[in-house]
Amino acid sequence: MSEQRVVRQRGLWYEELEPDVRYVHAPGRTITEADNVLFTTLTMNTQALHLDAAWSDAQPPFNARLVNSMFTLSTLVGLSVAQLTQGTTVGNLGFSDIAFPKPMSHGDTLYAETVVTEKRESQSRPGEGIVTFVHTGRNQHGDVVATATRKAMMRKRPSGEENR
């Protein structure tokens, strides 16, 4: 009997990340009222727009509570982890060009996709490289609700590590 091959779920090594490829992440994430209230209170964001239904319902133009945009951003990046960076990232180096063209409401579903726009080997850290990810989040109607550019330090494939 031969030894069974083992495949572990992981993100992609630096060498596997391809510029100008659109990585579509699944599944999406439906945002609930409980998610929004928990995140908002955990982060000490007392903005009534996220917590006070009576007040928010009276505020144009949305007349409803909105999902905390920092929760939207965190979830957008989180949706990419299993496919791109699980166990293969050293850490985030920074975020830029963050935008929220449309708000999310309780019950909306966030879908994410990512394009690698740039990558280069690290000059100071052998075995690692810097990758620029552009994340786009869409709601269930296909409307863009969030965009963000992220730079991350990514691990190169360890010697002896087999291909997927």
C-alpha atoms as a PDB file:
ATOM      1  CA  MET A   1       0.000   0.000   0.000  1.00  0.00           C
ATOM      2  CA  SER A   2       1.425   3.371  -1.012  1.00  0.00           C
ATOM      3  CA  GLU A   3       1.642   6.344   1.322  1.00  0.00           C
ATOM      4  CA  GLN A   4      -1.294   8.695   0.910  1.00  0.00           C
ATOM      5  CA  ARG A   5      -0.426  12.169  -0.420  1.00  0.00           C
ATOM      6  CA  VAL A   6      -1.487  15.028   1.861  1.00  0.00           C
ATOM      7  CA  VAL A   7      -2.716  18.375   0.535  1.00  0.00           C
ATOM      8  CA  ARG A   8      -3.044  21.192   3.072  1.00  0.00           C
ATOM      9  CA  GLN A   9      -5.144  24.266   2.420  1.00  0.00           C
ATOM     10  CA  ARG A  10      -2.946  27.327   2.134  1.00  0.00           C
ATOM     11  CA  GLY A  11      -2.599  30.604   0.337  1.00  0.00           C
ATOM     12  CA  LEU A  12      -0.330  31.111  -2.613  1.00  0.00           C
ATOM     13  CA  TRP A  13       3.436  31.488  -2.341  1.00  0.00           C
ATOM     14  CA  TYR A  14       4.980  34.671  -3.726  1.00  0.00           C
ATOM     15  CA  GLU A  15       5.967  32.817  -6.918  1.00  0.00           C
ATOM     16  CA  GLU A  16       2.396  31.618  -7.497  1.00  0.00           C
ATOM     17  CA  LEU A  17       0.773  35.064  -7.355  1.00  0.00           C
ATOM     18  CA  GLU A  18       0.195  36.294 -10.897  1.00  0.00           C
ATOM     19  CA  PRO A  19      -0.134  39.975 -11.798  1.00  0.00           C
ATOM     20  CA  ASP A  20      -3.192  41.020 -13.801  1.00  0.00           C
ATOM     21  CA  VAL A  21      -5.163  37.920 -12.794  1.00  0.00           C
ATOM     22  CA  ARG A  22      -8.555  38.398 -11.135  1.00  0.00           C
ATOM     23  CA  TYR A  23      -8.898  36.067  -8.156  1.00  0.00           C
ATOM     24  CA  VAL A  24     -12.584  35.613  -7.287  1.00  0.00           C
ATOM     25  CA  HIS A  25     -13.114  34.554  -3.680  1.00  0.00           C
ATOM     26  CA  ALA A  26     -15.874  32.292  -2.401  1.00  0.00           C
ATOM     27  CA  PRO A  27     -18.040  32.128  -0.490  1.00  0.00           C
ATOM     28  CA  GLY A  28     -19.451  35.610   0.033  1.00  0.00           C
ATOM     29  CA  ARG A  29     -20.491  36.848   3.470  1.00  0.00           C
ATOM     30  CA  THR A  30     -23.989  38.030   4.370  1.00  0.00           C
ATOM     31  CA  ILE A  31     -23.710  40.814   6.941  1.00  0.00           C
ATOM     32  CA  THR A  32     -26.191  40.681   9.809  1.00  0.00           C
ATOM     33  CA  GLU A  33     -27.338  43.284  12.294  1.00  0.00           C
ATOM     34  CA  ALA A  34     -25.548  41.327  15.025  1.00  0.00           C
ATOM     35  CA  ASP A  35     -22.264  41.427  13.036  1.00  0.00           C
ATOM     36  CA  ASN A  36     -22.519  45.185  12.652  1.00  0.00           C
ATOM     37  CA  VAL A  37     -23.428  45.926  16.268  1.00  0.00           C
ATOM     38  CA  LEU A  38     -20.756  43.577  17.639  1.00  0.00           C
ATOM     39  CA  PHE A  39     -17.966  44.987  15.454  1.00  0.00           C
ATOM     40  CA  THR A  40     -19.050  48.563  16.130  1.00  0.00           C
ATOM     41  CA  THR A  41     -19.128  48.111  19.901  1.00  0.00           C
ATOM     42  CA  LEU A  42     -15.933  46.020  20.039  1.00  0.00           C
ATOM     43  CA  THR A  43     -14.063  48.815  18.260  1.00  0.00           C
ATOM     44  CA  MET A  44     -15.574  51.580  20.453  1.00  0.00           C
ATOM     45  CA  ASN A  45     -17.155  53.272  17.448  1.00  0.00           C
ATOM     46  CA  THR A  46     -20.205  54.900  19.013  1.00  0.00           C
ATOM     47  CA  GLN A  47     -21.470  56.369  15.734  1.00  0.00           C
ATOM     48  CA  ALA A  48     -25.270  56.409  15.979  1.00  0.00           C
ATOM     49  CA  LEU A  49     -25.463  55.635  12.257  1.00  0.00           C
ATOM     50  CA  HIS A  50     -24.457  52.057  13.165  1.00  0.00           C
ATOM     51  CA  LEU A  51     -26.216  51.626  16.513  1.00  0.00           C
ATOM     52  CA  ASP A  52     -29.326  53.792  16.873  1.00  0.00           C
ATOM     53  CA  ALA A  53     -32.166  52.602  14.618  1.00  0.00           C
ATOM     54  CA  ALA A  54     -34.604  55.396  15.535  1.00  0.00           C
ATOM     55  CA  TRP A  55     -32.036  58.138  14.924  1.00  0.00           C
ATOM     56  CA  SER A  56     -30.678  56.558  11.723  1.00  0.00           C
ATOM     57  CA  ASP A  57     -34.146  55.980  10.293  1.00  0.00           C
ATOM     58  CA  ALA A  58     -34.712  59.757  10.433  1.00  0.00           C
ATOM     59  CA  GLN A  59     -31.423  60.634   8.661  1.00  0.00           C
ATOM     60  CA  PRO A  60     -31.468  61.136   4.890  1.00  0.00           C
ATOM     61  CA  PRO A  61     -30.375  60.005   2.406  1.00  0.00           C
ATOM     62  CA  PHE A  62     -30.394  56.353   3.606  1.00  0.00           C
ATOM     63  CA  ASN A  63     -32.941  56.504   6.456  1.00  0.00           C
ATOM     64  CA  ALA A  64     -31.522  53.321   7.971  1.00  0.00           C
ATOM     65  CA  ARG A  65     -28.562  52.055   9.937  1.00  0.00           C
ATOM     66  CA  LEU A  66     -25.523  51.350   7.781  1.00  0.00           C
ATOM     67  CA  VAL A  67     -22.884  48.682   8.161  1.00  0.00           C
ATOM     68  CA  ASN A  68     -19.702  50.057   9.724  1.00  0.00           C
ATOM     69  CA  SER A  69     -17.325  50.705   6.814  1.00  0.00           C
ATOM     70  CA  MET A  70     -14.364  49.341   8.798  1.00  0.00           C
ATOM     71  CA  PHE A  71     -16.259  46.043   9.122  1.00  0.00           C
ATOM     72  CA  THR A  72     -16.812  46.089   5.361  1.00  0.00           C
ATOM     73  CA  LEU A  73     -13.085  46.673   4.786  1.00  0.00           C
ATOM     74  CA  SER A  74     -12.035  43.963   7.248  1.00  0.00           C
ATOM     75  CA  THR A  75     -14.432  41.459   5.731  1.00  0.00           C
ATOM     76  CA  LEU A  76     -13.354  42.352   2.184  1.00  0.00           C
ATOM     77  CA  VAL A  77      -9.735  41.530   3.019  1.00  0.00           C
ATOM     78  CA  GLY A  78     -10.744  38.518   5.110  1.00  0.00           C
ATOM     79  CA  LEU A  79     -12.634  36.978   2.197  1.00  0.00           C
ATOM     80  CA  SER A  80      -9.348  36.809   0.256  1.00  0.00           C
ATOM     81  CA  VAL A  81      -7.302  35.022   2.926  1.00  0.00           C
ATOM     82  CA  ALA A  82      -8.130  31.357   2.268  1.00  0.00           C
ATOM     83  CA  GLN A  83      -7.335  31.655  -1.439  1.00  0.00           C
ATOM     84  CA  LEU A  84      -4.357  34.019  -1.366  1.00  0.00           C
ATOM     85  CA  THR A  85      -2.544  34.439   1.938  1.00  0.00           C
ATOM     86  CA  GLN A  86      -3.441  31.695   4.453  1.00  0.00           C
ATOM     87  CA  GLY A  87      -0.096  30.693   5.965  1.00  0.00           C
ATOM     88  CA  THR A  88       1.911  32.361   3.178  1.00  0.00           C
ATOM     89  CA  THR A  89       1.910  35.970   4.346  1.00  0.00           C
ATOM     90  CA  VAL A  90       4.360  37.528   6.739  1.00  0.00           C
ATOM     91  CA  GLY A  91       2.094  40.522   7.320  1.00  0.00           C
ATOM     92  CA  ASN A  92       0.429  43.597   5.912  1.00  0.00           C
ATOM     93  CA  LEU A  93       2.669  46.548   5.118  1.00  0.00           C
ATOM     94  CA  GLY A  94      -0.078  49.090   4.510  1.00  0.00           C
ATOM     95  CA  PHE A  95      -3.379  50.041   2.942  1.00  0.00           C
ATOM     96  CA  SER A  96      -4.181  52.890   0.540  1.00  0.00           C
ATOM     97  CA  ASP A  97      -6.831  54.053  -1.899  1.00  0.00           C
ATOM     98  CA  ILE A  98      -9.662  52.842   0.329  1.00  0.00           C
ATOM     99  CA  ALA A  99     -13.114  53.842  -0.907  1.00  0.00           C
ATOM    100  CA  PHE A 100     -16.727  52.991  -0.118  1.00  0.00           C
ATOM    101  CA  PRO A 101     -18.769  53.999  -3.190  1.00  0.00           C
ATOM    102  CA  LYS A 102     -22.018  52.573  -1.773  1.00  0.00           C
ATOM    103  CA  PRO A 103     -22.988  51.661   1.783  1.00  0.00           C
ATOM    104  CA  MET A 104     -23.857  48.173   2.947  1.00  0.00           C
ATOM    105  CA  SER A 105     -27.034  47.447   4.876  1.00  0.00           C
ATOM    106  CA  HIS A 106     -27.991  44.644   7.220  1.00  0.00           C
ATOM    107  CA  GLY A 107     -28.766  41.586   5.110  1.00  0.00           C
ATOM    108  CA  ASP A 108     -26.478  42.541   2.214  1.00  0.00           C
ATOM    109  CA  THR A 109     -23.953  39.972   1.020  1.00  0.00           C
ATOM    110  CA  LEU A 110     -20.362  40.973   0.324  1.00  0.00           C
ATOM    111  CA  TYR A 111     -18.488  39.259  -2.501  1.00  0.00           C
ATOM    112  CA  ALA A 112     -14.770  39.849  -3.004  1.00  0.00           C
ATOM    113  CA  GLU A 113     -12.218  39.688  -5.776  1.00  0.00           C
ATOM    114  CA  THR A 114      -8.556  40.624  -5.893  1.00  0.00           C
ATOM    115  CA  VAL A 115      -6.077  41.590  -8.594  1.00  0.00           C
ATOM    116  CA  VAL A 116      -2.322  41.472  -8.007  1.00  0.00           C
ATOM    117  CA  THR A 117      -1.032  44.677  -9.588  1.00  0.00           C
ATOM    118  CA  GLU A 118       2.630  44.515  -8.621  1.00  0.00           C
ATOM    119  CA  LYS A 119       5.171  42.236  -6.996  1.00  0.00           C
ATOM    120  CA  ARG A 120       8.879  42.409  -6.296  1.00  0.00           C
ATOM    121  CA  GLU A 121      11.396  40.458  -4.296  1.00  0.00           C
ATOM    122  CA  SER A 122      12.352  41.957  -0.956  1.00  0.00           C
ATOM    123  CA  GLN A 123      15.829  43.449  -1.003  1.00  0.00           C
ATOM    124  CA  SER A 124      16.266  43.177   2.760  1.00  0.00           C
ATOM    125  CA  ARG A 125      14.471  39.896   3.528  1.00  0.00           C
ATOM    126  CA  PRO A 126      15.586  36.888   1.488  1.00  0.00           C
ATOM    127  CA  GLY A 127      12.826  34.369   1.028  1.00  0.00           C
ATOM    128  CA  GLU A 128      10.121  37.024   0.869  1.00  0.00           C
ATOM    129  CA  GLY A 129       8.558  39.407  -1.607  1.00  0.00           C
ATOM    130  CA  ILE A 130       6.259  42.427  -1.566  1.00  0.00           C
ATOM    131  CA  VAL A 131       2.912  42.082  -3.338  1.00  0.00           C
ATOM    132  CA  THR A 132       0.319  44.760  -4.072  1.00  0.00           C
ATOM    133  CA  PHE A 133      -3.262  43.495  -3.947  1.00  0.00           C
ATOM    134  CA  VAL A 134      -6.244  45.525  -5.161  1.00  0.00           C
ATOM    135  CA  HIS A 135      -9.402  44.252  -3.476  1.00  0.00           C
ATOM    136  CA  THR A 136     -12.910  44.979  -4.765  1.00  0.00           C
ATOM    137  CA  GLY A 137     -16.082  44.221  -2.831  1.00  0.00           C
ATOM    138  CA  ARG A 138     -19.492  43.982  -4.444  1.00  0.00           C
ATOM    139  CA  ASN A 139     -22.929  43.484  -2.944  1.00  0.00           C
ATOM    140  CA  GLN A 140     -25.448  40.888  -4.091  1.00  0.00           C
ATOM    141  CA  HIS A 141     -26.556  43.244  -6.881  1.00  0.00           C
ATOM    142  CA  GLY A 142     -23.031  43.569  -8.277  1.00  0.00           C
ATOM    143  CA  ASP A 143     -22.611  47.156  -7.031  1.00  0.00           C
ATOM    144  CA  VAL A 144     -19.084  48.053  -5.889  1.00  0.00           C
ATOM    145  CA  VAL A 145     -19.293  48.797  -2.157  1.00  0.00           C
ATOM    146  CA  ALA A 146     -15.602  48.889  -1.244  1.00  0.00           C
ATOM    147  CA  THR A 147     -12.152  49.028  -2.814  1.00  0.00           C
ATOM    148  CA  ALA A 148      -8.729  48.944  -1.193  1.00  0.00           C
ATOM    149  CA  THR A 149      -5.106  48.578  -2.177  1.00  0.00           C
ATOM    150  CA  ARG A 150      -2.983  46.485   0.184  1.00  0.00           C
ATOM    151  CA  LYS A 151       0.739  45.825   0.244  1.00  0.00           C
ATOM    152  CA  ALA A 152       1.795  42.629   1.975  1.00  0.00           C
ATOM    153  CA  MET A 153       5.035  40.814   2.632  1.00  0.00           C
ATOM    154  CA  MET A 154       4.634  37.315   1.211  1.00  0.00           C
ATOM    155  CA  ARG A 155       6.707  34.196   1.780  1.00  0.00           C
ATOM    156  CA  LYS A 156       8.485  32.537  -1.109  1.00  0.00           C
ATOM    157  CA  ARG A 157       8.035  28.813  -1.579  1.00  0.00           C
ATOM    158  CA  PRO A 158      10.300  26.980   0.874  1.00  0.00           C
ATOM    159  CA  SER A 159      12.890  24.776  -0.783  1.00  0.00           C
ATOM    160  CA  GLY A 160      11.604  21.244  -1.053  1.00  0.00           C
ATOM    161  CA  GLU A 161       7.942  22.357  -0.965  1.00  0.00           C
ATOM    162  CA  GLU A 162       6.109  20.596  -3.760  1.00  0.00           C
ATOM    163  CA  ASN A 163       3.728  22.313  -6.154  1.00  0.00           C
ATOM    164  CA  ARG A 164       0.007  21.966  -5.680  1.00  0.00           C
END
